């Protein structure tokens, strides 16, 4: 595993150096994913779903093969692992201590590409790192947030000029059944595609495209998703 310090830009514009794996703040990161991290990859259909998401991203983006990839909200790194052969250096970021522990173990055991970096990062609260990436991927992450537009702005700032964002997330779930079994859920029951596109444009992205994504299968049925891609000018 690659360790060290990650330079972040403070709100004043001054650069500060913070530990790459800072202390986990439970006020920022709920226990839901911590509790599920150890068994996440064994959930029926998770690996297949991640492979399908990665395939959709590859189909949507014209990848050269040397891109600096960041998967934000990476969970256990399944999507990034499926993308690894199509990009260059891989960086995985998450806010769950449990998920971070699983990813670090995977890197150490060779289940994720050598040189993969694992970072604790919560863009709803943390300063934006100074490092830039060519591709940022988020899969089924943003609907967990209360305020999405500020995080889209942070993701825009993480991209190098001409870099691409790919977001796969839930279409509007009118009755909230997708999260019916999740206690104390305060995120979004999916997104309206037009509204999400406007958020991307307001965050500074161009060439915004939204297409059908990969259906997410749960015991009570399939849930449709969209894949939004956009470019930093």
C-alpha atoms as a PDB file:
ATOM      1  CA  UNK A   1       0.000   0.000   0.000  1.00  0.00           C
ATOM      2  CA  UNK A   2       1.203   3.521  -0.750  1.00  0.00           C
ATOM      3  CA  UNK A   3       1.176   5.738   2.316  1.00  0.00           C
ATOM      4  CA  UNK A   4       2.345   9.219   3.161  1.00  0.00           C
ATOM      5  CA  UNK A   5       0.808  12.684   3.212  1.00  0.00           C
ATOM      6  CA  UNK A   6      -1.821  14.212   0.959  1.00  0.00           C
ATOM      7  CA  UNK A   7      -1.735  17.973   0.493  1.00  0.00           C
ATOM      8  CA  UNK A   8      -5.136  19.631   0.733  1.00  0.00           C
ATOM      9  CA  UNK A   9      -6.188  23.177   0.042  1.00  0.00           C
ATOM     10  CA  UNK A  10      -7.742  24.873   3.042  1.00  0.00           C
ATOM     11  CA  UNK A  11     -10.714  27.220   2.593  1.00  0.00           C
ATOM     12  CA  UNK A  12      -8.383  30.238   2.815  1.00  0.00           C
ATOM     13  CA  UNK A  13      -6.458  29.000  -0.209  1.00  0.00           C
ATOM     14  CA  UNK A  14      -3.460  27.989   1.881  1.00  0.00           C
ATOM     15  CA  UNK A  15      -2.094  24.505   1.395  1.00  0.00           C
ATOM     16  CA  UNK A  16      -1.942  22.260   4.428  1.00  0.00           C
ATOM     17  CA  UNK A  17      -0.423  18.816   4.749  1.00  0.00           C
ATOM     18  CA  UNK A  18      -2.597  16.288   6.560  1.00  0.00           C
ATOM     19  CA  UNK A  19      -2.170  12.563   7.185  1.00  0.00           C
ATOM     20  CA  UNK A  20      -3.229  10.424   4.255  1.00  0.00           C
ATOM     21  CA  UNK A  21      -5.345   8.377   6.676  1.00  0.00           C
ATOM     22  CA  UNK A  22      -6.602  10.918   9.232  1.00  0.00           C
ATOM     23  CA  UNK A  23      -8.537   9.970  12.341  1.00  0.00           C
ATOM     24  CA  UNK A  24     -11.970   8.617  11.505  1.00  0.00           C
ATOM     25  CA  UNK A  25     -14.700  10.997  12.636  1.00  0.00           C
ATOM     26  CA  UNK A  26     -17.884   9.051  13.379  1.00  0.00           C
ATOM     27  CA  UNK A  27     -19.900  12.245  13.209  1.00  0.00           C
ATOM     28  CA  UNK A  28     -19.118  12.378   9.502  1.00  0.00           C
ATOM     29  CA  UNK A  29     -19.261   8.688   8.629  1.00  0.00           C
ATOM     30  CA  UNK A  30     -22.211   6.532   9.673  1.00  0.00           C
ATOM     31  CA  UNK A  31     -21.823   3.015  10.917  1.00  0.00           C
ATOM     32  CA  UNK A  32     -23.999   1.434   8.203  1.00  0.00           C
ATOM     33  CA  UNK A  33     -21.125   0.831   5.781  1.00  0.00           C
ATOM     34  CA  UNK A  34     -18.619   0.128   8.552  1.00  0.00           C
ATOM     35  CA  UNK A  35     -20.824  -2.714   9.731  1.00  0.00           C
ATOM     36  CA  UNK A  36     -21.240  -4.168   6.248  1.00  0.00           C
ATOM     37  CA  UNK A  37     -17.699  -3.718   4.950  1.00  0.00           C
ATOM     38  CA  UNK A  38     -16.297  -7.145   5.880  1.00  0.00           C
ATOM     39  CA  UNK A  39     -19.087  -9.007   4.064  1.00  0.00           C
ATOM     40  CA  UNK A  40     -19.763  -6.493   1.281  1.00  0.00           C
ATOM     41  CA  UNK A  41     -18.019  -8.388  -1.520  1.00  0.00           C
ATOM     42  CA  UNK A  42     -19.902 -11.554  -0.639  1.00  0.00           C
ATOM     43  CA  UNK A  43     -23.296  -9.925  -1.179  1.00  0.00           C
ATOM     44  CA  UNK A  44     -24.957 -11.747  -4.095  1.00  0.00           C
ATOM     45  CA  UNK A  45     -24.560  -9.786  -7.305  1.00  0.00           C
ATOM     46  CA  UNK A  46     -22.146  -7.138  -5.977  1.00  0.00           C
ATOM     47  CA  UNK A  47     -19.178  -8.188  -8.107  1.00  0.00           C
ATOM     48  CA  UNK A  48     -21.322  -8.561 -11.218  1.00  0.00           C
ATOM     49  CA  UNK A  49     -22.903  -5.172 -10.603  1.00  0.00           C
ATOM     50  CA  UNK A  50     -19.488  -3.530 -10.227  1.00  0.00           C
ATOM     51  CA  UNK A  51     -18.234  -5.139 -13.440  1.00  0.00           C
ATOM     52  CA  UNK A  52     -21.313  -3.880 -15.277  1.00  0.00           C
ATOM     53  CA  UNK A  53     -20.796  -0.365 -13.938  1.00  0.00           C
ATOM     54  CA  UNK A  54     -17.156  -0.419 -15.022  1.00  0.00           C
ATOM     55  CA  UNK A  55     -18.180  -1.641 -18.462  1.00  0.00           C
ATOM     56  CA  UNK A  56     -20.653   1.213 -18.793  1.00  0.00           C
ATOM     57  CA  UNK A  57     -17.956   3.727 -17.836  1.00  0.00           C
ATOM     58  CA  UNK A  58     -15.532   2.275 -20.381  1.00  0.00           C
ATOM     59  CA  UNK A  59     -18.212   2.464 -23.065  1.00  0.00           C
ATOM     60  CA  UNK A  60     -18.996   6.087 -22.193  1.00  0.00           C
ATOM     61  CA  UNK A  61     -15.449   7.458 -21.949  1.00  0.00           C
ATOM     62  CA  UNK A  62     -12.697   7.404 -24.555  1.00  0.00           C
ATOM     63  CA  UNK A  63      -9.982   6.078 -22.266  1.00  0.00           C
ATOM     64  CA  UNK A  64      -6.349   6.075 -23.366  1.00  0.00           C
ATOM     65  CA  UNK A  65      -5.176   3.637 -20.708  1.00  0.00           C
ATOM     66  CA  UNK A  66      -2.880   5.961 -18.760  1.00  0.00           C
ATOM     67  CA  UNK A  67      -5.451   8.061 -16.908  1.00  0.00           C
ATOM     68  CA  UNK A  68      -5.091   8.899 -13.236  1.00  0.00           C
ATOM     69  CA  UNK A  69      -8.293   7.415 -11.821  1.00  0.00           C
ATOM     70  CA  UNK A  70     -10.015   8.389  -8.594  1.00  0.00           C
ATOM     71  CA  UNK A  71     -12.995   6.379  -7.417  1.00  0.00           C
ATOM     72  CA  UNK A  72     -14.774   8.492  -4.821  1.00  0.00           C
ATOM     73  CA  UNK A  73     -16.938   6.568  -2.386  1.00  0.00           C
ATOM     74  CA  UNK A  74     -15.127   3.458  -3.530  1.00  0.00           C
ATOM     75  CA  UNK A  75     -16.483   1.086  -0.888  1.00  0.00           C
ATOM     76  CA  UNK A  76     -14.332  -2.023  -1.205  1.00  0.00           C
ATOM     77  CA  UNK A  77     -12.904  -0.955  -4.573  1.00  0.00           C
ATOM     78  CA  UNK A  78     -14.862  -3.346  -6.780  1.00  0.00           C
ATOM     79  CA  UNK A  79     -15.592  -0.841  -9.558  1.00  0.00           C
ATOM     80  CA  UNK A  80     -12.030   0.474  -9.658  1.00  0.00           C
ATOM     81  CA  UNK A  81     -10.674  -3.073  -9.728  1.00  0.00           C
ATOM     82  CA  UNK A  82     -12.795  -3.756 -12.805  1.00  0.00           C
ATOM     83  CA  UNK A  83     -11.535  -0.519 -14.404  1.00  0.00           C
ATOM     84  CA  UNK A  84      -7.865  -1.042 -13.555  1.00  0.00           C
ATOM     85  CA  UNK A  85      -6.898  -2.596 -16.895  1.00  0.00           C
ATOM     86  CA  UNK A  86      -8.334   0.421 -18.740  1.00  0.00           C
ATOM     87  CA  UNK A  87      -6.562   3.214 -16.828  1.00  0.00           C
ATOM     88  CA  UNK A  88      -3.247   4.103 -15.233  1.00  0.00           C
ATOM     89  CA  UNK A  89      -2.706   4.805 -11.551  1.00  0.00           C
ATOM     90  CA  UNK A  90      -5.681   4.070  -9.282  1.00  0.00           C
ATOM     91  CA  UNK A  91      -6.651   6.032  -6.174  1.00  0.00           C
ATOM     92  CA  UNK A  92      -9.543   4.929  -3.962  1.00  0.00           C
ATOM     93  CA  UNK A  93     -11.279   7.287  -1.546  1.00  0.00           C
ATOM     94  CA  UNK A  94     -14.001   6.634   0.997  1.00  0.00           C
ATOM     95  CA  UNK A  95     -15.291   7.975   4.303  1.00  0.00           C
ATOM     96  CA  UNK A  96     -16.088   4.639   5.981  1.00  0.00           C
ATOM     97  CA  UNK A  97     -13.407   3.265   8.281  1.00  0.00           C
ATOM     98  CA  UNK A  98     -14.629  -0.264   7.636  1.00  0.00           C
ATOM     99  CA  UNK A  99     -14.482   0.082   3.871  1.00  0.00           C
ATOM    100  CA  UNK A 100     -11.047   1.712   4.054  1.00  0.00           C
ATOM    101  CA  UNK A 101      -9.745  -1.205   6.115  1.00  0.00           C
ATOM    102  CA  UNK A 102     -11.009  -3.702   3.550  1.00  0.00           C
ATOM    103  CA  UNK A 103      -9.402  -1.798   0.667  1.00  0.00           C
ATOM    104  CA  UNK A 104      -6.064  -1.509   2.457  1.00  0.00           C
ATOM    105  CA  UNK A 105      -6.113  -5.237   3.109  1.00  0.00           C
ATOM    106  CA  UNK A 106      -6.874  -5.891  -0.556  1.00  0.00           C
ATOM    107  CA  UNK A 107      -3.913  -3.782  -1.649  1.00  0.00           C
ATOM    108  CA  UNK A 108      -1.626  -5.576   0.815  1.00  0.00           C
ATOM    109  CA  UNK A 109      -2.858  -8.977  -0.374  1.00  0.00           C
ATOM    110  CA  UNK A 110      -2.592  -8.135  -4.072  1.00  0.00           C
ATOM    111  CA  UNK A 111      -6.342  -8.121  -4.702  1.00  0.00           C
ATOM    112  CA  UNK A 112      -6.084  -4.544  -5.942  1.00  0.00           C
ATOM    113  CA  UNK A 113      -3.395  -3.323  -8.374  1.00  0.00           C
ATOM    114  CA  UNK A 114       0.066  -2.671  -6.988  1.00  0.00           C
ATOM    115  CA  UNK A 115       0.523   1.024  -6.249  1.00  0.00           C
ATOM    116  CA  UNK A 116      -3.158   1.617  -5.570  1.00  0.00           C
ATOM    117  CA  UNK A 117      -3.586   4.380  -2.999  1.00  0.00           C
ATOM    118  CA  UNK A 118      -6.318   4.345  -0.373  1.00  0.00           C
ATOM    119  CA  UNK A 119      -7.397   7.693   1.051  1.00  0.00           C
ATOM    120  CA  UNK A 120      -9.912   8.703   3.684  1.00  0.00           C
ATOM    121  CA  UNK A 121     -11.856  11.564   2.130  1.00  0.00           C
ATOM    122  CA  UNK A 122     -15.252  13.106   2.810  1.00  0.00           C
ATOM    123  CA  UNK A 123     -15.826  15.982   0.401  1.00  0.00           C
ATOM    124  CA  UNK A 124     -18.921  17.056   2.296  1.00  0.00           C
ATOM    125  CA  UNK A 125     -16.616  18.138   5.128  1.00  0.00           C
ATOM    126  CA  UNK A 126     -12.961  17.971   4.059  1.00  0.00           C
ATOM    127  CA  UNK A 127     -10.904  20.444   2.066  1.00  0.00           C
ATOM    128  CA  UNK A 128     -10.366  19.520  -1.582  1.00  0.00           C
ATOM    129  CA  UNK A 129      -7.001  17.781  -2.119  1.00  0.00           C
ATOM    130  CA  UNK A 130      -4.562  19.626  -4.370  1.00  0.00           C
ATOM    131  CA  UNK A 131      -3.880  16.556  -6.495  1.00  0.00           C
ATOM    132  CA  UNK A 132      -5.712  16.324  -9.825  1.00  0.00           C
ATOM    133  CA  UNK A 133      -7.102  13.320 -11.689  1.00  0.00           C
ATOM    134  CA  UNK A 134      -8.034  12.556 -15.287  1.00  0.00           C
ATOM    135  CA  UNK A 135     -11.105  10.483 -14.429  1.00  0.00           C
ATOM    136  CA  UNK A 136     -13.292  10.517 -11.322  1.00  0.00           C
ATOM    137  CA  UNK A 137     -15.908   7.794 -10.883  1.00  0.00           C
ATOM    138  CA  UNK A 138     -18.738   7.660  -8.323  1.00  0.00           C
ATOM    139  CA  UNK A 139     -21.048   4.658  -8.245  1.00  0.00           C
ATOM    140  CA  UNK A 140     -24.190   4.786  -6.084  1.00  0.00           C
ATOM    141  CA  UNK A 141     -22.570   7.290  -3.747  1.00  0.00           C
ATOM    142  CA  UNK A 142     -24.089  10.732  -4.118  1.00  0.00           C
ATOM    143  CA  UNK A 143     -27.640   9.800  -3.161  1.00  0.00           C
ATOM    144  CA  UNK A 144     -26.352   9.235   0.380  1.00  0.00           C
ATOM    145  CA  UNK A 145     -25.500  12.929   0.710  1.00  0.00           C
ATOM    146  CA  UNK A 146     -27.782  15.631   2.039  1.00  0.00           C
ATOM    147  CA  UNK A 147     -26.220  18.398  -0.090  1.00  0.00           C
ATOM    148  CA  UNK A 148     -25.065  17.159  -3.488  1.00  0.00           C
ATOM    149  CA  UNK A 149     -24.122  20.341  -5.452  1.00  0.00           C
ATOM    150  CA  UNK A 150     -21.174  21.315  -3.199  1.00  0.00           C
ATOM    151  CA  UNK A 151     -19.683  17.844  -3.608  1.00  0.00           C
ATOM    152  CA  UNK A 152     -20.114  18.017  -7.388  1.00  0.00           C
ATOM    153  CA  UNK A 153     -18.179  21.276  -7.238  1.00  0.00           C
ATOM    154  CA  UNK A 154     -15.421  19.576  -5.260  1.00  0.00           C
ATOM    155  CA  UNK A 155     -15.291  16.701  -7.757  1.00  0.00           C
ATOM    156  CA  UNK A 156     -14.985  19.261 -10.563  1.00  0.00           C
ATOM    157  CA  UNK A 157     -12.028  20.829  -8.767  1.00  0.00           C
ATOM    158  CA  UNK A 158     -10.355  17.418  -8.388  1.00  0.00           C
ATOM    159  CA  UNK A 159     -10.256  16.933 -12.152  1.00  0.00           C
ATOM    160  CA  UNK A 160      -7.418  18.058 -14.364  1.00  0.00           C
ATOM    161  CA  UNK A 161      -8.293  20.263 -17.321  1.00  0.00           C
ATOM    162  CA  UNK A 162     -10.174  18.101 -19.818  1.00  0.00           C
ATOM    163  CA  UNK A 163     -10.777  15.395 -17.222  1.00  0.00           C
ATOM    164  CA  UNK A 164     -14.013  13.462 -17.003  1.00  0.00           C
ATOM    165  CA  UNK A 165     -16.501  12.677 -14.248  1.00  0.00           C
ATOM    166  CA  UNK A 166     -18.683   9.562 -14.439  1.00  0.00           C
ATOM    167  CA  UNK A 167     -21.526   9.232 -11.934  1.00  0.00           C
ATOM    168  CA  UNK A 168     -23.812   6.232 -11.755  1.00  0.00           C
ATOM    169  CA  UNK A 169     -26.739   6.729  -9.429  1.00  0.00           C
ATOM    170  CA  UNK A 170     -30.374   5.932  -8.800  1.00  0.00           C
ATOM    171  CA  UNK A 171     -33.225   7.298 -10.821  1.00  0.00           C
ATOM    172  CA  UNK A 172     -36.011   8.830  -8.760  1.00  0.00           C
ATOM    173  CA  UNK A 173     -37.386   6.258  -6.307  1.00  0.00           C
ATOM    174  CA  UNK A 174     -40.801   7.753  -5.482  1.00  0.00           C
ATOM    175  CA  UNK A 175     -41.696   5.581  -2.504  1.00  0.00           C
ATOM    176  CA  UNK A 176     -38.192   5.302  -1.075  1.00  0.00           C
ATOM    177  CA  UNK A 177     -38.253   1.517  -1.189  1.00  0.00           C
ATOM    178  CA  UNK A 178     -34.571   1.257  -2.151  1.00  0.00           C
ATOM    179  CA  UNK A 179     -33.568   2.428   1.320  1.00  0.00           C
ATOM    180  CA  UNK A 180     -36.549   1.060   3.217  1.00  0.00           C
ATOM    181  CA  UNK A 181     -34.292  -1.256   5.245  1.00  0.00           C
ATOM    182  CA  UNK A 182     -31.719   1.433   6.087  1.00  0.00           C
ATOM    183  CA  UNK A 183     -32.272   3.044   9.476  1.00  0.00           C
ATOM    184  CA  UNK A 184     -31.905   6.814   9.744  1.00  0.00           C
ATOM    185  CA  UNK A 185     -31.414   7.452   6.008  1.00  0.00           C
ATOM    186  CA  UNK A 186     -31.192  11.173   5.257  1.00  0.00           C
ATOM    187  CA  UNK A 187     -30.048  11.167   1.643  1.00  0.00           C
ATOM    188  CA  UNK A 188     -31.939  11.293  -1.652  1.00  0.00           C
ATOM    189  CA  UNK A 189     -34.398   8.723  -2.946  1.00  0.00           C
ATOM    190  CA  UNK A 190     -32.716   8.838  -6.323  1.00  0.00           C
ATOM    191  CA  UNK A 191     -32.398  11.841  -8.626  1.00  0.00           C
ATOM    192  CA  UNK A 192     -34.305  13.480 -11.430  1.00  0.00           C
ATOM    193  CA  UNK A 193     -31.980  13.309 -14.441  1.00  0.00           C
ATOM    194  CA  UNK A 194     -32.703  16.847 -15.612  1.00  0.00           C
ATOM    195  CA  UNK A 195     -32.053  18.280 -12.165  1.00  0.00           C
ATOM    196  CA  UNK A 196     -28.809  16.321 -11.843  1.00  0.00           C
ATOM    197  CA  UNK A 197     -27.671  17.607 -15.252  1.00  0.00           C
ATOM    198  CA  UNK A 198     -28.335  21.178 -14.129  1.00  0.00           C
ATOM    199  CA  UNK A 199     -26.290  20.595 -10.993  1.00  0.00           C
ATOM    200  CA  UNK A 200     -23.374  19.395 -13.107  1.00  0.00           C
ATOM    201  CA  UNK A 201     -23.578  22.450 -15.346  1.00  0.00           C
ATOM    202  CA  UNK A 202     -23.770  24.759 -12.331  1.00  0.00           C
ATOM    203  CA  UNK A 203     -20.649  23.058 -10.922  1.00  0.00           C
ATOM    204  CA  UNK A 204     -18.740  24.110 -14.048  1.00  0.00           C
ATOM    205  CA  UNK A 205     -18.922  20.933 -16.109  1.00  0.00           C
ATOM    206  CA  UNK A 206     -19.460  20.877 -19.857  1.00  0.00           C
ATOM    207  CA  UNK A 207     -20.530  18.164 -22.320  1.00  0.00           C
ATOM    208  CA  UNK A 208     -22.985  16.731 -19.813  1.00  0.00           C
ATOM    209  CA  UNK A 209     -24.531  13.469 -20.999  1.00  0.00           C
ATOM    210  CA  UNK A 210     -27.010  11.273 -19.150  1.00  0.00           C
ATOM    211  CA  UNK A 211     -27.897   7.772 -20.349  1.00  0.00           C
ATOM    212  CA  UNK A 212     -29.507   4.684 -18.863  1.00  0.00           C
ATOM    213  CA  UNK A 213     -27.268   2.970 -16.346  1.00  0.00           C
ATOM    214  CA  UNK A 214     -27.038  -0.513 -14.873  1.00  0.00           C
ATOM    215  CA  UNK A 215     -30.112  -1.810 -13.068  1.00  0.00           C
ATOM    216  CA  UNK A 216     -29.490  -2.558  -9.392  1.00  0.00           C
ATOM    217  CA  UNK A 217     -31.132  -5.788  -8.270  1.00  0.00           C
ATOM    218  CA  UNK A 218     -32.510  -6.144  -4.745  1.00  0.00           C
ATOM    219  CA  UNK A 219     -34.791  -8.827  -3.293  1.00  0.00           C
ATOM    220  CA  UNK A 220     -37.855  -6.704  -4.028  1.00  0.00           C
ATOM    221  CA  UNK A 221     -36.920  -6.047  -7.661  1.00  0.00           C
ATOM    222  CA  UNK A 222     -34.713  -4.068 -10.011  1.00  0.00           C
ATOM    223  CA  UNK A 223     -34.021  -0.363  -9.588  1.00  0.00           C
ATOM    224  CA  UNK A 224     -33.084   1.747 -12.638  1.00  0.00           C
ATOM    225  CA  UNK A 225     -30.041   3.996 -12.631  1.00  0.00           C
ATOM    226  CA  UNK A 226     -28.501   6.612 -14.887  1.00  0.00           C
ATOM    227  CA  UNK A 227     -24.908   7.213 -15.932  1.00  0.00           C
ATOM    228  CA  UNK A 228     -23.997  10.886 -16.098  1.00  0.00           C
ATOM    229  CA  UNK A 229     -20.713  11.878 -17.698  1.00  0.00           C
ATOM    230  CA  UNK A 230     -19.266  15.363 -17.904  1.00  0.00           C
ATOM    231  CA  UNK A 231     -16.010  17.118 -18.708  1.00  0.00           C
ATOM    232  CA  UNK A 232     -14.008  19.759 -16.911  1.00  0.00           C
ATOM    233  CA  UNK A 233     -13.192  22.502 -19.405  1.00  0.00           C
END
